[in-house]
C-alpha atoms as a PDB file:
ATOM      1  CA  MET A   1      -8.907 -11.481 -15.021  1.00  0.00           C
ATOM      2  CA  THR A   2      -6.767  -8.135 -14.005  1.00  0.00           C
ATOM      3  CA  ASP A   3      -3.140  -9.239 -12.975  1.00  0.00           C
ATOM      4  CA  PHE A   4      -2.546  -7.985  -9.455  1.00  0.00           C
ATOM      5  CA  GLN A   5       0.719  -6.512  -8.210  1.00  0.00           C
ATOM      6  CA  HIS A   6       2.748  -6.888  -4.795  1.00  0.00           C
ATOM      7  CA  ILE A   7       3.982  -3.477  -3.986  1.00  0.00           C
ATOM      8  CA  ARG A   8       6.550  -2.788  -1.207  1.00  0.00           C
ATOM      9  CA  LEU A   9       6.402   0.377   0.208  1.00  0.00           C
ATOM     10  CA  ALA A  10       9.616   1.196   2.896  1.00  0.00           C
ATOM     11  CA  LEU A  11       9.882   4.184   4.910  1.00  0.00           C
ATOM     12  CA  ALA A  12      11.648   7.202   3.283  1.00  0.00           C
ATOM     13  CA  ARG A  13      13.967   9.373   5.140  1.00  0.00           C
ATOM     14  CA  GLU A  14      12.171  11.613   7.568  1.00  0.00           C
ATOM     15  CA  PRO A  15      13.010  13.042  11.071  1.00  0.00           C
ATOM     16  CA  GLY A  16      13.883  10.144  13.031  1.00  0.00           C
ATOM     17  CA  HIS A  17      14.962   8.008  10.098  1.00  0.00           C
ATOM     18  CA  PRO A  18      17.568   9.922   8.352  1.00  0.00           C
ATOM     19  CA  ASN A  19      18.292   6.719   6.211  1.00  0.00           C
ATOM     20  CA  GLY A  20      14.786   5.626   6.170  1.00  0.00           C
ATOM     21  CA  ASP A  21      13.934   2.080   7.230  1.00  0.00           C
ATOM     22  CA  PRO A  22      13.068  -0.854   4.854  1.00  0.00           C
ATOM     23  CA  GLY A  23      11.689  -2.829   7.789  1.00  0.00           C
ATOM     24  CA  ASN A  24       9.004  -0.207   8.139  1.00  0.00           C
ATOM     25  CA  GLY A  25       6.424   0.114   5.512  1.00  0.00           C
ATOM     26  CA  TRP A  26       3.443  -1.356   3.768  1.00  0.00           C
ATOM     27  CA  ASP A  27       2.822  -4.308   1.164  1.00  0.00           C
ATOM     28  CA  ILE A  28      -0.245  -3.699  -0.910  1.00  0.00           C
ATOM     29  CA  VAL A  29      -1.895  -6.092  -3.459  1.00  0.00           C
ATOM     30  CA  ALA A  30      -3.627  -4.323  -5.828  1.00  0.00           C
ATOM     31  CA  PRO A  31      -3.870  -3.926  -9.962  1.00  0.00           C
ATOM     32  CA  LEU A  32      -2.027  -1.147 -11.618  1.00  0.00           C
ATOM     33  CA  ASP A  33      -2.700   0.428 -15.036  1.00  0.00           C
ATOM     34  CA  ALA A  34      -0.164   0.757 -17.826  1.00  0.00           C
ATOM     35  CA  GLY A  35       1.055   3.709 -16.140  1.00  0.00           C
ATOM     36  CA  GLY A  36       1.735   2.046 -12.700  1.00  0.00           C
ATOM     37  CA  ARG A  37      -1.086   3.818 -11.225  1.00  0.00           C
ATOM     38  CA  LEU A  38      -3.945   1.954  -9.188  1.00  0.00           C
ATOM     39  CA  ASP A  39      -6.602   0.607 -11.502  1.00  0.00           C
ATOM     40  CA  LEU A  40      -9.919   1.988  -9.926  1.00  0.00           C
ATOM     41  CA  ARG A  41     -11.985  -0.165 -12.366  1.00  0.00           C
ATOM     42  CA  ALA A  42     -10.231  -3.526 -11.658  1.00  0.00           C
ATOM     43  CA  CYS A  43     -10.116  -2.500  -7.828  1.00  0.00           C
ATOM     44  CA  ARG A  44     -14.137  -2.173  -7.952  1.00  0.00           C
ATOM     45  CA  ALA A  45     -14.513  -5.501  -9.928  1.00  0.00           C
ATOM     46  CA  GLU A  46     -12.532  -7.422  -7.474  1.00  0.00           C
ATOM     47  CA  PRO A  47     -12.207  -5.575  -4.257  1.00  0.00           C
ATOM     48  CA  GLU A  48     -11.723  -9.134  -2.402  1.00  0.00           C
ATOM     49  CA  ARG A  49      -8.552  -9.135  -4.003  1.00  0.00           C
ATOM     50  CA  CYS A  50      -7.021  -6.004  -2.552  1.00  0.00           C
ATOM     51  CA  HIS A  51      -5.057  -6.473   0.428  1.00  0.00           C
ATOM     52  CA  VAL A  52      -2.607  -4.410   2.652  1.00  0.00           C
ATOM     53  CA  ARG A  53      -0.199  -5.460   5.328  1.00  0.00           C
ATOM     54  CA  ARG A  54       1.445  -2.961   7.717  1.00  0.00           C
ATOM     55  CA  PHE A  55       4.612  -4.038   8.932  1.00  0.00           C
ATOM     56  CA  VAL A  56       7.500  -2.554  11.417  1.00  0.00           C
ATOM     57  CA  ASP A  57      10.916  -4.091  12.318  1.00  0.00           C
ATOM     58  CA  GLY A  58       9.842  -6.424   9.553  1.00  0.00           C
ATOM     59  CA  GLU A  59       7.154  -8.028  11.870  1.00  0.00           C
ATOM     60  CA  THR A  60       3.319  -7.803  10.633  1.00  0.00           C
ATOM     61  CA  LEU A  61       1.247  -5.661  12.798  1.00  0.00           C
ATOM     62  CA  ALA A  62      -2.111  -6.057  10.864  1.00  0.00           C
ATOM     63  CA  THR A  63      -3.493  -6.916   7.584  1.00  0.00           C
ATOM     64  CA  GLY A  64      -6.600  -5.622   5.607  1.00  0.00           C
ATOM     65  CA  ARG A  65      -7.946  -4.094   2.747  1.00  0.00           C
ATOM     66  CA  LEU A  66      -7.435  -1.402   0.138  1.00  0.00           C
ATOM     67  CA  HIS A  67     -10.655   0.509  -0.332  1.00  0.00           C
ATOM     68  CA  HIS A  68     -11.588   3.199  -2.421  1.00  0.00           C
ATOM     69  CA  GLY A  69     -14.204   5.967  -1.302  1.00  0.00           C
ATOM     70  CA  VAL A  70     -15.785   9.295  -2.055  1.00  0.00           C
ATOM     71  CA  GLY A  71     -13.428  12.141  -3.190  1.00  0.00           C
ATOM     72  CA  ASP A  72     -11.123   9.657  -4.791  1.00  0.00           C
ATOM     73  CA  ARG A  73     -10.070   8.696  -1.279  1.00  0.00           C
ATOM     74  CA  TRP A  74      -7.860   5.595  -0.848  1.00  0.00           C
ATOM     75  CA  ARG A  75      -8.042   3.792   2.461  1.00  0.00           C
ATOM     76  CA  LEU A  76      -5.546   1.111   4.037  1.00  0.00           C
ATOM     77  CA  ASP A  77      -8.150  -0.591   6.187  1.00  0.00           C
ATOM     78  CA  LEU A  78      -6.505  -2.706   8.793  1.00  0.00           C
ATOM     79  CA  ASP A  79      -8.674  -5.745  10.276  1.00  0.00           C
ATOM     80  CA  GLY A  80      -9.533  -4.989  13.908  1.00  0.00           C
ATOM     81  CA  ARG A  81      -6.960  -2.076  14.188  1.00  0.00           C
ATOM     82  CA  ASP A  82      -8.602   1.406  13.828  1.00  0.00           C
ATOM     83  CA  ASP A  83      -5.543   2.760  15.443  1.00  0.00           C
ATOM     84  CA  LEU A  84      -3.456   1.605  12.552  1.00  0.00           C
ATOM     85  CA  ASP A  85      -5.697   2.536   9.466  1.00  0.00           C
ATOM     86  CA  ALA A  86      -4.339   5.074   7.277  1.00  0.00           C
ATOM     87  CA  ARG A  87      -5.136   6.803   3.978  1.00  0.00           C
ATOM     88  CA  GLY A  88      -3.180   7.635   1.209  1.00  0.00           C
ATOM     89  CA  PHE A  89      -2.507  11.440   0.018  1.00  0.00           C
ATOM     90  CA  ARG A  90      -3.559  11.454  -3.620  1.00  0.00           C
ATOM     91  CA  LEU A  91      -2.757   7.810  -3.822  1.00  0.00           C
ATOM     92  CA  GLY A  92      -4.873   7.501  -7.254  1.00  0.00           C
ATOM     93  CA  GLU A  93      -2.686   9.870  -8.891  1.00  0.00           C
ATOM     94  CA  GLU A  94       0.769   8.273  -7.265  1.00  0.00           C
ATOM     95  CA  ARG A  95       2.785   6.039  -9.895  1.00  0.00           C
ATOM     96  CA  PHE A  96       3.714   2.702  -8.156  1.00  0.00           C
ATOM     97  CA  VAL A  97       7.150   2.641  -9.955  1.00  0.00           C
ATOM     98  CA  VAL A  98      10.337   1.534  -8.169  1.00  0.00           C
ATOM     99  CA  GLY A  99      11.998   4.462  -6.904  1.00  0.00           C
ATOM    100  CA  GLU A 100       8.834   6.756  -6.726  1.00  0.00           C
ATOM    101  CA  TYR A 101       7.561   8.107  -3.623  1.00  0.00           C
ATOM    102  CA  VAL A 102       4.237   7.994  -1.951  1.00  0.00           C
ATOM    103  CA  SER A 103       2.655   9.509   1.096  1.00  0.00           C
ATOM    104  CA  ILE A 104       0.379   7.968   3.634  1.00  0.00           C
ATOM    105  CA  LEU A 105      -1.347   9.506   6.498  1.00  0.00           C
ATOM    106  CA  SER A 106      -1.344   7.564   9.494  1.00  0.00           C
ATOM    107  CA  ALA A 107      -4.653   7.327  11.814  1.00  0.00           C
ATOM    108  CA  ASP A 108      -3.468  10.071  13.927  1.00  0.00           C
ATOM    109  CA  ASP A 109      -3.230  12.354  10.722  1.00  0.00           C
ATOM    110  CA  SER A 110       0.714  12.154  10.566  1.00  0.00           C
ATOM    111  CA  ALA A 111       2.095  11.932   6.970  1.00  0.00           C
ATOM    112  CA  HIS A 112       4.896   9.780   6.332  1.00  0.00           C
ATOM    113  CA  THR A 113       6.555   9.486   2.677  1.00  0.00           C
ATOM    114  CA  TYR A 114       7.501   5.619   1.629  1.00  0.00           C
ATOM    115  CA  VAL A 115       9.689   4.838  -1.437  1.00  0.00           C
ATOM    116  CA  VAL A 116       8.291   2.022  -3.806  1.00  0.00           C
ATOM    117  CA  GLU A 117      10.766  -0.569  -2.990  1.00  0.00           C
ATOM    118  CA  ARG A 118       9.611  -3.127  -5.440  1.00  0.00           C
ATOM    119  CA  VAL A 119       6.488  -4.064  -7.889  1.00  0.00           C
ATOM    120  CA  GLY A 120       6.077  -7.609  -8.867  1.00  0.00           C
ATOM    121  CA  PRO A 121       3.179  -9.870 -10.192  1.00  0.00           C
ATOM    122  CA  VAL A 122       1.720 -11.688  -7.144  1.00  0.00           C
ATOM    123  CA  ALA A 123       3.052 -15.293  -6.806  1.00  0.00           C
ATOM    124  CA  GLY A 124       0.953 -17.978  -6.791  1.00  0.00           C
ATOM    125  CA  GLY A 125      -1.444 -18.848  -3.688  1.00  0.00           C
ATOM    126  CA  PRO A 126      -3.866 -16.660  -1.899  1.00  0.00           C
ATOM    127  CA  GLU A 127      -3.427 -13.147  -2.765  1.00  0.00           C
ATOM    128  CA  ARG A 128      -2.556 -11.582   0.586  1.00  0.00           C
ATOM    129  CA  ALA A 129      -0.263  -8.725   1.053  1.00  0.00           C
ATOM    130  CA  GLY A 130       3.491  -9.860   1.610  1.00  0.00           C
ATOM    131  CA  ALA A 131       2.368 -13.095   0.002  1.00  0.00           C
ATOM    132  CA  SER A 132       4.698 -12.802  -2.659  1.00  0.00           C
END
C-alpha cells in the first residue's frame, strides 16, 4: 500500500493579496513519488483515497476528489460545487515540496498561484483532506 501525503497549499502573493493568504487554499491527500510529484500509478490504483478540500478564511467551502484525466490533466472535483471545481496547471509536473509554487485554475479559468506550505504523512483515521 502506498503512503499518502497531506499537502497544504496556501495562496501566494498576487494582486489583492500582496502578502499571500495562508487562510485561503487547498488541502490535498495524494501519493507522491520520490521526487515529490503526484504518483499517477498509485492514484489510479487507489482513487478513493485521493481527496481535496477547498478552504477560505480557514473555513471549509467544500471537499471532493482529485482526479486524473485525459491529456495529463488533474481535476480538483468538489462534491456538489461545480462553481468551485478547479484544475491544476501542469500539476503532474509540479513538485510538492515545501516552498515550491503550484498554479491552479479555478472554475472561471482564473489562475492562482499557491505555495506548498507543508507536506506530511496522513494521520490515522479517515483519509480526508484536512484530516492531518
